[in-house]
């Protein structure tokens, strides 16, 4: 159970979670903006070299949707055990964790196939 802090504290935690997510992705090799040198608030073309390289793009809405779904699931799972602000912090934490995993080297088709084939091999040899 999270403490019932002032809203300002929750907002600071959310901002820190977003910054930490960005720093971890940068540390993993993602660049903050397009290598082409263009910095923009919006990139609407998902097929361009600026996709996921600007402040916002069409995928921004999926992140907001994921966060909303995580918030709702936390509300279903825990009800009033967590304040609305605490649920928001947890939803941002889960979405940030998912974003890091989604962009990690672990989340590749080859890794998935390798894991799947190891499971199949384990089942066949058992």
Foldseek 3Di string as FASTA:
>chain_A
DDDDDPLVVLVVLLVVLVVVLVVLVVVQPDDQAQPVPDEDQEDEDCPDSGHVHYVDYPCVVVLVVQLVVQLVVCCVVPPVPDDSSRSSSVSSNVSSVVVSVCSHPCPDPVNVVVVVVVVVVVVVVD
